[in-house]
Protein backbone atom coordinates (compact mmCIF):
# COMPACT_ATOMS: atom_id res chain seq x y z
CA UNK A 1 0.00 0.00 0.00
CA UNK A 2 1.32 3.43 -0.93
CA UNK A 3 2.02 5.95 1.80
CA UNK A 4 -0.06 9.09 1.49
CA UNK A 5 1.38 12.30 2.93
CA UNK A 6 -1.14 15.02 3.60
CA UNK A 7 -0.41 18.51 2.34
CA UNK A 8 -0.21 19.80 5.91
CA UNK A 9 2.69 17.46 6.71
CA UNK A 10 4.43 17.94 3.38
CA UNK A 11 6.41 20.93 4.59
CA UNK A 12 7.56 20.94 8.18
CA UNK A 13 7.20 24.26 9.93
CA UNK A 14 10.37 25.40 11.60
CA UNK A 15 10.16 26.07 15.32
CA UNK A 16 10.38 29.73 16.30
CA UNK A 17 13.10 28.76 18.79
CA UNK A 18 15.41 27.61 16.00
CA UNK A 19 15.47 30.96 14.26
CA UNK A 20 18.60 33.08 14.54
CA UNK A 21 16.93 36.35 15.55
CA UNK A 22 15.60 34.95 18.81
CA UNK A 23 19.06 34.05 20.10
CA UNK A 24 20.11 37.66 20.71
CA UNK A 25 16.84 38.47 22.50
CA UNK A 26 16.98 35.41 24.73
CA UNK A 27 20.67 35.77 25.60
CA UNK A 28 20.19 39.35 26.80
CA UNK A 29 17.41 38.30 29.16
CA UNK A 30 19.32 35.22 30.35
CA UNK A 31 22.39 37.29 31.23
CA UNK A 32 20.22 39.73 33.17
CA UNK A 33 18.44 37.06 35.22
CA UNK A 34 21.22 34.46 35.58
CA UNK A 35 22.56 35.79 38.91
CA UNK A 36 19.09 35.67 40.49
CA UNK A 37 18.13 32.39 42.20
CA UNK A 38 15.01 30.64 40.93
CA UNK A 39 13.75 30.00 44.48
CA UNK A 40 15.20 32.68 46.76
CA UNK A 41 15.65 31.70 50.39
CA UNK A 42 13.13 33.26 52.76
CA UNK A 43 14.54 33.08 56.30
CA UNK A 44 12.04 32.32 59.06
CA UNK A 45 9.17 31.82 56.63
CA UNK A 46 7.84 29.22 59.04
CA UNK A 47 8.64 30.53 62.51
CA UNK A 48 9.94 27.98 65.03
CA UNK A 49 7.38 26.49 67.36
CA UNK A 50 8.34 27.06 71.00
CA UNK A 51 7.97 23.93 73.12
CA UNK A 52 7.55 25.08 76.70
CA UNK A 53 5.36 22.40 78.26
CA UNK A 54 5.11 19.88 75.47
CA UNK A 55 2.96 20.53 72.43
CA UNK A 56 -0.20 22.48 73.22
CA UNK A 57 -2.12 22.80 69.94
CA UNK A 58 -4.72 25.33 71.10
CA UNK A 59 -2.22 27.76 72.56
CA UNK A 60 -2.98 31.26 71.29
CA UNK A 61 0.54 31.71 69.86
CA UNK A 62 0.07 28.68 67.62
CA UNK A 63 -3.47 29.55 66.56
CA UNK A 64 -2.47 33.11 65.65
CA UNK A 65 0.47 31.89 63.58
CA UNK A 66 -0.83 32.04 59.99
CA UNK A 67 2.16 30.03 58.77
CA UNK A 68 1.65 26.99 60.99
CA UNK A 69 1.35 24.04 58.60
CA UNK A 70 -1.63 21.79 59.13
CA UNK A 71 -2.69 18.82 57.03
CA UNK A 72 -6.46 18.63 56.55
CA UNK A 73 -7.41 15.01 57.13
CA UNK A 74 -11.19 15.23 56.72
CA UNK A 75 -13.73 17.87 55.68
CA UNK A 76 -16.98 17.73 57.67
CA UNK A 77 -19.20 20.56 56.45
CA UNK A 78 -19.39 24.20 55.35
CA UNK A 79 -21.83 26.38 57.25
CA UNK A 80 -22.25 30.16 56.87
CA UNK A 81 -18.84 30.53 55.18
CA UNK A 82 -17.14 28.55 57.98
CA UNK A 83 -15.34 25.31 57.12
CA UNK A 84 -15.43 22.50 59.66
CA UNK A 85 -12.64 19.97 59.26
CA UNK A 86 -10.23 17.70 61.08
CA UNK A 87 -6.55 18.30 60.72
CA UNK A 88 -3.22 17.34 62.15
CA UNK A 89 0.15 18.96 62.45
CA UNK A 90 3.40 17.11 63.05
CA UNK A 91 2.55 16.33 66.69
CA UNK A 92 -1.19 15.91 67.23
CA UNK A 93 -4.65 15.75 65.71
CA UNK A 94 -6.81 18.87 65.88
CA UNK A 95 -10.58 18.72 65.50
CA UNK A 96 -12.34 21.92 64.60
PDB file of N, CA and C in Angstrom:
ATOM      1  N   UNK A   1       0.844  -1.179   0.000  1.00  0.00           N
ATOM      2  CA  UNK A   1       0.000   0.000   0.000  1.00  0.00           C
ATOM      3  C   UNK A   1       0.889   1.242   0.000  1.00  0.00           C
ATOM      4  N   UNK A   2       0.546   2.198  -0.827  1.00  0.00           N
ATOM      5  CA  UNK A   2       1.323   3.428  -0.928  1.00  0.00           C
ATOM      6  C   UNK A   2       1.082   4.329   0.273  1.00  0.00           C
ATOM      7  N   UNK A   3       2.151   5.002   0.695  1.00  0.00           N
ATOM      8  CA  UNK A   3       2.017   5.954   1.799  1.00  0.00           C
ATOM      9  C   UNK A   3       1.488   7.268   1.249  1.00  0.00           C
ATOM     10  N   UNK A   4       0.511   7.810   1.907  1.00  0.00           N
ATOM     11  CA  UNK A   4      -0.062   9.090   1.494  1.00  0.00           C
ATOM     12  C   UNK A   4       0.347  10.138   2.513  1.00  0.00           C
ATOM     13  N   UNK A   5       0.955  11.207   2.053  1.00  0.00           N
ATOM     14  CA  UNK A   5       1.377  12.300   2.926  1.00  0.00           C
ATOM     15  C   UNK A   5       0.435  13.463   2.692  1.00  0.00           C
ATOM     16  N   UNK A   6      -0.210  13.898   3.758  1.00  0.00           N
ATOM     17  CA  UNK A   6      -1.142  15.016   3.602  1.00  0.00           C
ATOM     18  C   UNK A   6      -0.371  16.296   3.301  1.00  0.00           C
ATOM     19  N   UNK A   7      -1.066  17.257   2.714  1.00  0.00           N
ATOM     20  CA  UNK A   7      -0.412  18.513   2.338  1.00  0.00           C
ATOM     21  C   UNK A   7       0.051  19.290   3.565  1.00  0.00           C
ATOM     22  N   UNK A   8      -0.610  19.091   4.689  1.00  0.00           N
ATOM     23  CA  UNK A   8      -0.215  19.797   5.910  1.00  0.00           C
ATOM     24  C   UNK A   8       1.138  19.307   6.411  1.00  0.00           C
ATOM     25  N   UNK A   9       1.433  18.028   6.220  1.00  0.00           N
ATOM     26  CA  UNK A   9       2.690  17.464   6.708  1.00  0.00           C
ATOM     27  C   UNK A   9       3.796  17.489   5.658  1.00  0.00           C
ATOM     28  N   UNK A  10       3.449  17.932   4.457  1.00  0.00           N
ATOM     29  CA  UNK A  10       4.429  17.943   3.384  1.00  0.00           C
ATOM     30  C   UNK A  10       5.602  18.851   3.703  1.00  0.00           C
ATOM     31  N   UNK A  11       5.321  20.029   4.202  1.00  0.00           N
ATOM     32  CA  UNK A  11       6.405  20.934   4.586  1.00  0.00           C
ATOM     33  C   UNK A  11       6.365  21.121   6.098  1.00  0.00           C
ATOM     34  N   UNK A  12       7.446  20.809   6.730  1.00  0.00           N
ATOM     35  CA  UNK A  12       7.556  20.936   8.183  1.00  0.00           C
ATOM     36  C   UNK A  12       7.782  22.401   8.540  1.00  0.00           C
ATOM     37  N   UNK A  13       6.998  22.886   9.471  1.00  0.00           N
ATOM     38  CA  UNK A  13       7.205  24.256   9.931  1.00  0.00           C
ATOM     39  C   UNK A  13       8.373  24.284  10.900  1.00  0.00           C
ATOM     40  N   UNK A  14       9.199  25.254  10.742  1.00  0.00           N
ATOM     41  CA  UNK A  14      10.367  25.404  11.599  1.00  0.00           C
ATOM     42  C   UNK A  14       9.933  26.023  12.927  1.00  0.00           C
ATOM     43  N   UNK A  15      10.479  25.525  14.005  1.00  0.00           N
ATOM     44  CA  UNK A  15      10.164  26.073  15.318  1.00  0.00           C
ATOM     45  C   UNK A  15      10.700  27.489  15.432  1.00  0.00           C
ATOM     46  N   UNK A  16       9.946  28.342  16.115  1.00  0.00           N
ATOM     47  CA  UNK A  16      10.377  29.730  16.302  1.00  0.00           C
ATOM     48  C   UNK A  16      11.664  29.787  17.114  1.00  0.00           C
ATOM     49  N   UNK A  17      11.910  28.763  17.947  1.00  0.00           N
ATOM     50  CA  UNK A  17      13.099  28.763  18.793  1.00  0.00           C
ATOM     51  C   UNK A  17      14.371  28.411  18.021  1.00  0.00           C
ATOM     52  N   UNK A  18      14.239  27.948  16.797  1.00  0.00           N
ATOM     53  CA  UNK A  18      15.407  27.613  15.996  1.00  0.00           C
ATOM     54  C   UNK A  18      15.861  28.775  15.117  1.00  0.00           C
ATOM     55  N   UNK A  19      15.123  29.826  15.110  1.00  0.00           N
ATOM     56  CA  UNK A  19      15.472  30.964  14.258  1.00  0.00           C
ATOM     57  C   UNK A  19      16.577  31.785  14.900  1.00  0.00           C
ATOM     58  N   UNK A  20      17.414  32.370  14.064  1.00  0.00           N
ATOM     59  CA  UNK A  20      18.600  33.085  14.543  1.00  0.00           C
ATOM     60  C   UNK A  20      18.264  34.356  15.310  1.00  0.00           C
ATOM     61  N   UNK A  21      17.220  35.064  14.931  1.00  0.00           N
ATOM     62  CA  UNK A  21      16.928  36.355  15.550  1.00  0.00           C
ATOM     63  C   UNK A  21      16.547  36.228  17.015  1.00  0.00           C
ATOM     64  N   UNK A  22      16.041  35.083  17.423  1.00  0.00           N
ATOM     65  CA  UNK A  22      15.596  34.949  18.813  1.00  0.00           C
ATOM     66  C   UNK A  22      16.777  34.766  19.764  1.00  0.00           C
ATOM     67  N   UNK A  23      17.900  34.306  19.258  1.00  0.00           N
ATOM     68  CA  UNK A  23      19.061  34.051  20.102  1.00  0.00           C
ATOM     69  C   UNK A  23      19.535  35.316  20.808  1.00  0.00           C
ATOM     70  N   UNK A  24      19.638  36.417  20.089  1.00  0.00           N
ATOM     71  CA  UNK A  24      20.115  37.660  20.712  1.00  0.00           C
ATOM     72  C   UNK A  24      19.132  38.164  21.764  1.00  0.00           C
ATOM     73  N   UNK A  25      17.835  38.025  21.522  1.00  0.00           N
ATOM     74  CA  UNK A  25      16.837  38.466  22.502  1.00  0.00           C
ATOM     75  C   UNK A  25      16.870  37.608  23.760  1.00  0.00           C
ATOM     76  N   UNK A  26      16.987  36.316  23.590  1.00  0.00           N
ATOM     77  CA  UNK A  26      16.983  35.405  24.734  1.00  0.00           C
ATOM     78  C   UNK A  26      18.269  35.534  25.539  1.00  0.00           C
ATOM     79  N   UNK A  27      19.400  35.659  24.889  1.00  0.00           N
ATOM     80  CA  UNK A  27      20.674  35.771  25.602  1.00  0.00           C
ATOM     81  C   UNK A  27      20.727  37.013  26.474  1.00  0.00           C
ATOM     82  N   UNK A  28      20.191  38.124  25.998  1.00  0.00           N
ATOM     83  CA  UNK A  28      20.189  39.349  26.799  1.00  0.00           C
ATOM     84  C   UNK A  28      19.388  39.160  28.084  1.00  0.00           C
ATOM     85  N   UNK A  29      18.245  38.537  27.982  1.00  0.00           N
ATOM     86  CA  UNK A  29      17.406  38.302  29.164  1.00  0.00           C
ATOM     87  C   UNK A  29      18.051  37.279  30.085  1.00  0.00           C
ATOM     88  N   UNK A  30      18.662  36.232  29.522  1.00  0.00           N
ATOM     89  CA  UNK A  30      19.316  35.219  30.350  1.00  0.00           C
ATOM     90  C   UNK A  30      20.473  35.808  31.146  1.00  0.00           C
ATOM     91  N   UNK A  31      21.264  36.668  30.529  1.00  0.00           N
ATOM     92  CA  UNK A  31      22.390  37.288  31.232  1.00  0.00           C
ATOM     93  C   UNK A  31      21.902  38.185  32.360  1.00  0.00           C
ATOM     94  N   UNK A  32      20.773  38.837  32.143  1.00  0.00           N
ATOM     95  CA  UNK A  32      20.220  39.732  33.166  1.00  0.00           C
ATOM     96  C   UNK A  32      19.713  38.950  34.376  1.00  0.00           C
ATOM     97  N   UNK A  33      19.076  37.819  34.134  1.00  0.00           N
ATOM     98  CA  UNK A  33      18.443  37.062  35.216  1.00  0.00           C
ATOM     99  C   UNK A  33      19.275  35.899  35.737  1.00  0.00           C
ATOM    100  N   UNK A  34      20.401  35.601  35.150  1.00  0.00           N
ATOM    101  CA  UNK A  34      21.218  34.461  35.575  1.00  0.00           C
ATOM    102  C   UNK A  34      21.690  34.557  37.020  1.00  0.00           C
ATOM    103  N   UNK A  35      22.094  35.742  37.529  1.00  0.00           N
ATOM    104  CA  UNK A  35      22.557  35.793  38.914  1.00  0.00           C
ATOM    105  C   UNK A  35      21.445  35.608  39.946  1.00  0.00           C
ATOM    106  N   UNK A  36      20.199  35.776  39.543  1.00  0.00           N
ATOM    107  CA  UNK A  36      19.089  35.672  40.492  1.00  0.00           C
ATOM    108  C   UNK A  36      18.720  34.209  40.705  1.00  0.00           C
ATOM    109  N   UNK A  37      18.520  33.786  41.960  1.00  0.00           N
ATOM    110  CA  UNK A  37      18.126  32.395  42.203  1.00  0.00           C
ATOM    111  C   UNK A  37      16.674  32.168  41.782  1.00  0.00           C
ATOM    112  N   UNK A  38      16.377  30.961  41.344  1.00  0.00           N
ATOM    113  CA  UNK A  38      15.012  30.635  40.934  1.00  0.00           C
ATOM    114  C   UNK A  38      14.087  30.645  42.146  1.00  0.00           C
ATOM    115  N   UNK A  39      14.524  30.022  43.238  1.00  0.00           N
ATOM    116  CA  UNK A  39      13.750  30.001  44.484  1.00  0.00           C
ATOM    117  C   UNK A  39      14.576  30.690  45.563  1.00  0.00           C
ATOM    118  N   UNK A  40      14.401  31.988  45.748  1.00  0.00           N
ATOM    119  CA  UNK A  40      15.203  32.677  46.759  1.00  0.00           C
ATOM    120  C   UNK A  40      14.859  32.186  48.164  1.00  0.00           C
ATOM    121  N   UNK A  41      15.856  32.142  49.012  1.00  0.00           N
ATOM    122  CA  UNK A  41      15.650  31.702  50.391  1.00  0.00           C
ATOM    123  C   UNK A  41      14.888  32.770  51.163  1.00  0.00           C
ATOM    124  N   UNK A  42      13.909  32.355  51.921  1.00  0.00           N
ATOM    125  CA  UNK A  42      13.134  33.264  52.764  1.00  0.00           C
ATOM    126  C   UNK A  42      13.365  32.820  54.200  1.00  0.00           C
ATOM    127  N   UNK A  43      14.258  33.508  54.932  1.00  0.00           N
ATOM    128  CA  UNK A  43      14.542  33.076  56.300  1.00  0.00           C
ATOM    129  C   UNK A  43      13.329  33.262  57.208  1.00  0.00           C
ATOM    130  N   UNK A  44      13.129  32.310  58.078  1.00  0.00           N
ATOM    131  CA  UNK A  44      12.040  32.324  59.065  1.00  0.00           C
ATOM    132  C   UNK A  44      10.668  32.431  58.418  1.00  0.00           C
ATOM    133  N   UNK A  45      10.496  31.825  57.248  1.00  0.00           N
ATOM    134  CA  UNK A  45       9.167  31.821  56.627  1.00  0.00           C
ATOM    135  C   UNK A  45       8.190  31.068  57.520  1.00  0.00           C
ATOM    136  N   UNK A  46       8.628  29.944  58.043  1.00  0.00           N
ATOM    137  CA  UNK A  46       7.845  29.217  59.039  1.00  0.00           C
ATOM    138  C   UNK A  46       8.550  29.417  60.362  1.00  0.00           C
ATOM    139  N   UNK A  47       7.976  30.255  61.244  1.00  0.00           N
ATOM    140  CA  UNK A  47       8.643  30.525  62.512  1.00  0.00           C
ATOM    141  C   UNK A  47       8.748  29.265  63.365  1.00  0.00           C
ATOM    142  N   UNK A  48       9.797  29.167  64.178  1.00  0.00           N
ATOM    143  CA  UNK A  48       9.945  27.985  65.026  1.00  0.00           C
ATOM    144  C   UNK A  48       8.838  27.920  66.073  1.00  0.00           C
ATOM    145  N   UNK A  49       8.434  26.709  66.386  1.00  0.00           N
ATOM    146  CA  UNK A  49       7.381  26.486  67.365  1.00  0.00           C
ATOM    147  C   UNK A  49       8.029  26.265  68.721  1.00  0.00           C
ATOM    148  N   UNK A  50       7.752  27.168  69.661  1.00  0.00           N
ATOM    149  CA  UNK A  50       8.344  27.063  70.997  1.00  0.00           C
ATOM    150  C   UNK A  50       7.678  25.925  71.763  1.00  0.00           C
ATOM    151  N   UNK A  51       8.500  25.045  72.323  1.00  0.00           N
ATOM    152  CA  UNK A  51       7.970  23.935  73.116  1.00  0.00           C
ATOM    153  C   UNK A  51       8.291  24.209  74.583  1.00  0.00           C
ATOM    154  N   UNK A  52       7.340  24.780  75.281  1.00  0.00           N
ATOM    155  CA  UNK A  52       7.548  25.079  76.697  1.00  0.00           C
ATOM    156  C   UNK A  52       7.135  23.888  77.554  1.00  0.00           C
ATOM    157  N   UNK A  53       5.879  23.514  77.470  1.00  0.00           N
ATOM    158  CA  UNK A  53       5.359  22.401  78.264  1.00  0.00           C
ATOM    159  C   UNK A  53       4.787  21.354  77.317  1.00  0.00           C
ATOM    160  N   UNK A  54       5.605  20.823  76.465  1.00  0.00           N
ATOM    161  CA  UNK A  54       5.111  19.879  75.468  1.00  0.00           C
ATOM    162  C   UNK A  54       4.406  20.632  74.349  1.00  0.00           C
ATOM    163  N   UNK A  55       3.658  19.926  73.559  1.00  0.00           N
ATOM    164  CA  UNK A  55       2.960  20.534  72.426  1.00  0.00           C
ATOM    165  C   UNK A  55       1.519  20.813  72.824  1.00  0.00           C
ATOM    166  N   UNK A  56       1.162  22.073  72.871  1.00  0.00           N
ATOM    167  CA  UNK A  56      -0.203  22.477  73.215  1.00  0.00           C
ATOM    168  C   UNK A  56      -0.824  23.081  71.953  1.00  0.00           C
ATOM    169  N   UNK A  57      -1.660  22.335  71.245  1.00  0.00           N
ATOM    170  CA  UNK A  57      -2.122  22.796  69.939  1.00  0.00           C
ATOM    171  C   UNK A  57      -3.043  24.008  69.979  1.00  0.00           C
ATOM    172  N   UNK A  58      -3.762  24.220  71.061  1.00  0.00           N
ATOM    173  CA  UNK A  58      -4.718  25.327  71.100  1.00  0.00           C
ATOM    174  C   UNK A  58      -4.164  26.552  71.802  1.00  0.00           C
ATOM    175  N   UNK A  59      -2.859  26.599  71.971  1.00  0.00           N
ATOM    176  CA  UNK A  59      -2.215  27.764  72.559  1.00  0.00           C
ATOM    177  C   UNK A  59      -2.398  28.945  71.609  1.00  0.00           C
ATOM    178  N   UNK A  60      -2.658  30.115  72.140  1.00  0.00           N
ATOM    179  CA  UNK A  60      -2.977  31.263  71.294  1.00  0.00           C
ATOM    180  C   UNK A  60      -1.839  31.614  70.341  1.00  0.00           C
ATOM    181  N   UNK A  61      -0.591  31.404  70.744  1.00  0.00           N
ATOM    182  CA  UNK A  61       0.538  31.711  69.860  1.00  0.00           C
ATOM    183  C   UNK A  61       0.501  30.843  68.600  1.00  0.00           C
ATOM    184  N   UNK A  62       0.120  29.590  68.759  1.00  0.00           N
ATOM    185  CA  UNK A  62       0.065  28.676  67.620  1.00  0.00           C
ATOM    186  C   UNK A  62      -1.127  28.998  66.733  1.00  0.00           C
ATOM    187  N   UNK A  63      -2.278  29.266  67.343  1.00  0.00           N
ATOM    188  CA  UNK A  63      -3.473  29.548  66.556  1.00  0.00           C
ATOM    189  C   UNK A  63      -3.359  30.858  65.795  1.00  0.00           C
ATOM    190  N   UNK A  64      -2.628  31.824  66.328  1.00  0.00           N
ATOM    191  CA  UNK A  64      -2.467  33.107  65.653  1.00  0.00           C
ATOM    192  C   UNK A  64      -1.389  33.064  64.577  1.00  0.00           C
ATOM    193  N   UNK A  65      -0.593  32.017  64.565  1.00  0.00           N
ATOM    194  CA  UNK A  65       0.472  31.888  63.578  1.00  0.00           C
ATOM    195  C   UNK A  65      -0.143  31.442  62.253  1.00  0.00           C
ATOM    196  N   UNK A  66      -0.205  32.348  61.269  1.00  0.00           N
ATOM    197  CA  UNK A  66      -0.831  32.035  59.986  1.00  0.00           C
ATOM    198  C   UNK A  66       0.022  31.083  59.168  1.00  0.00           C
ATOM    199  N   UNK A  67       1.264  30.883  59.543  1.00  0.00           N
ATOM    200  CA  UNK A  67       2.162  30.031  58.766  1.00  0.00           C
ATOM    201  C   UNK A  67       2.356  28.659  59.399  1.00  0.00           C
ATOM    202  N   UNK A  68       1.557  28.309  60.371  1.00  0.00           N
ATOM    203  CA  UNK A  68       1.652  26.989  60.987  1.00  0.00           C
ATOM    204  C   UNK A  68       1.035  25.981  60.022  1.00  0.00           C
ATOM    205  N   UNK A  69       1.829  25.003  59.585  1.00  0.00           N
ATOM    206  CA  UNK A  69       1.348  24.038  58.605  1.00  0.00           C
ATOM    207  C   UNK A  69       0.452  23.012  59.272  1.00  0.00           C
ATOM    208  N   UNK A  70      -0.651  22.730  58.625  1.00  0.00           N
ATOM    209  CA  UNK A  70      -1.629  21.786  59.131  1.00  0.00           C
ATOM    210  C   UNK A  70      -2.148  20.972  57.949  1.00  0.00           C
ATOM    211  N   UNK A  71      -2.161  19.677  58.090  1.00  0.00           N
ATOM    212  CA  UNK A  71      -2.693  18.817  57.031  1.00  0.00           C
ATOM    213  C   UNK A  71      -4.160  18.554  57.329  1.00  0.00           C
ATOM    214  N   UNK A  72      -5.035  18.902  56.384  1.00  0.00           N
ATOM    215  CA  UNK A  72      -6.461  18.634  56.551  1.00  0.00           C
ATOM    216  C   UNK A  72      -6.680  17.149  56.281  1.00  0.00           C
ATOM    217  N   UNK A  73      -7.205  16.450  57.280  1.00  0.00           N
ATOM    218  CA  UNK A  73      -7.405  15.007  57.131  1.00  0.00           C
ATOM    219  C   UNK A  73      -8.830  14.654  56.735  1.00  0.00           C
ATOM    220  N   UNK A  74      -9.802  15.530  57.055  1.00  0.00           N
ATOM    221  CA  UNK A  74     -11.191  15.231  56.715  1.00  0.00           C
ATOM    222  C   UNK A  74     -12.009  16.514  56.735  1.00  0.00           C
ATOM    223  N   UNK A  75     -12.793  16.746  55.690  1.00  0.00           N
ATOM    224  CA  UNK A  75     -13.728  17.866  55.679  1.00  0.00           C
ATOM    225  C   UNK A  75     -15.072  17.373  56.184  1.00  0.00           C
ATOM    226  N   UNK A  76     -15.697  18.145  57.102  1.00  0.00           N
ATOM    227  CA  UNK A  76     -16.980  17.731  57.668  1.00  0.00           C
ATOM    228  C   UNK A  76     -18.142  18.469  57.016  1.00  0.00           C
ATOM    229  N   UNK A  77     -18.110  19.795  57.050  1.00  0.00           N
ATOM    230  CA  UNK A  77     -19.202  20.563  56.450  1.00  0.00           C
ATOM    231  C   UNK A  77     -18.780  22.023  56.283  1.00  0.00           C
ATOM    232  N   UNK A  78     -19.556  22.759  55.508  1.00  0.00           N
ATOM    233  CA  UNK A  78     -19.386  24.200  55.349  1.00  0.00           C
ATOM    234  C   UNK A  78     -20.699  24.831  55.764  1.00  0.00           C
ATOM    235  N   UNK A  79     -20.627  25.769  56.709  1.00  0.00           N
ATOM    236  CA  UNK A  79     -21.832  26.381  57.246  1.00  0.00           C
ATOM    237  C   UNK A  79     -21.595  27.870  57.442  1.00  0.00           C
ATOM    238  N   UNK A  80     -22.363  28.690  56.761  1.00  0.00           N
ATOM    239  CA  UNK A  80     -22.251  30.155  56.868  1.00  0.00           C
ATOM    240  C   UNK A  80     -20.811  30.617  56.661  1.00  0.00           C
ATOM    241  N   UNK A  81     -20.208  30.178  55.579  1.00  0.00           N
ATOM    242  CA  UNK A  81     -18.844  30.532  55.184  1.00  0.00           C
ATOM    243  C   UNK A  81     -17.779  30.056  56.175  1.00  0.00           C
ATOM    244  N   UNK A  82     -18.117  29.145  57.062  1.00  0.00           N
ATOM    245  CA  UNK A  82     -17.135  28.550  57.976  1.00  0.00           C
ATOM    246  C   UNK A  82     -16.931  27.093  57.560  1.00  0.00           C
ATOM    247  N   UNK A  83     -15.678  26.680  57.508  1.00  0.00           N
ATOM    248  CA  UNK A  83     -15.345  25.311  57.117  1.00  0.00           C
ATOM    249  C   UNK A  83     -15.024  24.518  58.374  1.00  0.00           C
ATOM    250  N   UNK A  84     -15.679  23.383  58.527  1.00  0.00           N
ATOM    251  CA  UNK A  84     -15.425  22.503  59.661  1.00  0.00           C
ATOM    252  C   UNK A  84     -14.660  21.288  59.147  1.00  0.00           C
ATOM    253  N   UNK A  85     -13.499  21.050  59.737  1.00  0.00           N
ATOM    254  CA  UNK A  85     -12.641  19.967  59.260  1.00  0.00           C
ATOM    255  C   UNK A  85     -11.783  19.438  60.397  1.00  0.00           C
ATOM    256  N   UNK A  86     -11.227  18.261  60.172  1.00  0.00           N
ATOM    257  CA  UNK A  86     -10.231  17.695  61.083  1.00  0.00           C
ATOM    258  C   UNK A  86      -8.871  17.878  60.435  1.00  0.00           C
ATOM    259  N   UNK A  87      -7.887  18.124  61.257  1.00  0.00           N
ATOM    260  CA  UNK A  87      -6.547  18.298  60.717  1.00  0.00           C
ATOM    261  C   UNK A  87      -5.517  17.816  61.712  1.00  0.00           C
ATOM    262  N   UNK A  88      -4.298  17.721  61.242  1.00  0.00           N
ATOM    263  CA  UNK A  88      -3.220  17.344  62.151  1.00  0.00           C
ATOM    264  C   UNK A  88      -1.959  18.067  61.734  1.00  0.00           C
ATOM    265  N   UNK A  89      -1.165  18.406  62.746  1.00  0.00           N
ATOM    266  CA  UNK A  89       0.151  18.957  62.451  1.00  0.00           C
ATOM    267  C   UNK A  89       1.155  17.840  62.698  1.00  0.00           C
ATOM    268  N   UNK A  90       2.403  18.173  62.908  1.00  0.00           N
ATOM    269  CA  UNK A  90       3.403  17.107  63.047  1.00  0.00           C
ATOM    270  C   UNK A  90       3.350  16.412  64.406  1.00  0.00           C
ATOM    271  N   UNK A  91       2.566  16.939  65.359  1.00  0.00           N
ATOM    272  CA  UNK A  91       2.548  16.331  66.690  1.00  0.00           C
ATOM    273  C   UNK A  91       1.194  15.784  67.127  1.00  0.00           C
ATOM    274  N   UNK A  92       0.100  16.379  66.706  1.00  0.00           N
ATOM    275  CA  UNK A  92      -1.189  15.913  67.232  1.00  0.00           C
ATOM    276  C   UNK A  92      -2.305  16.144  66.226  1.00  0.00           C
ATOM    277  N   UNK A  93      -3.456  15.604  66.544  1.00  0.00           N
ATOM    278  CA  UNK A  93      -4.647  15.747  65.707  1.00  0.00           C
ATOM    279  C   UNK A  93      -5.512  16.853  66.295  1.00  0.00           C
ATOM    280  N   UNK A  94      -5.986  17.741  65.433  1.00  0.00           N
ATOM    281  CA  UNK A  94      -6.810  18.865  65.877  1.00  0.00           C
ATOM    282  C   UNK A  94      -8.179  18.715  65.229  1.00  0.00           C
ATOM    283  N   UNK A  95      -9.211  18.755  66.017  1.00  0.00           N
ATOM    284  CA  UNK A  95     -10.576  18.716  65.500  1.00  0.00           C
ATOM    285  C   UNK A  95     -11.153  20.115  65.610  1.00  0.00           C
ATOM    286  N   UNK A  96     -11.699  20.603  64.524  1.00  0.00           N
ATOM    287  CA  UNK A  96     -12.337  21.924  64.601  1.00  0.00           C
ATOM    288  C   UNK A  96     -13.589  21.930  63.765  1.00  0.00           C
TER     289      UNK A  96
END
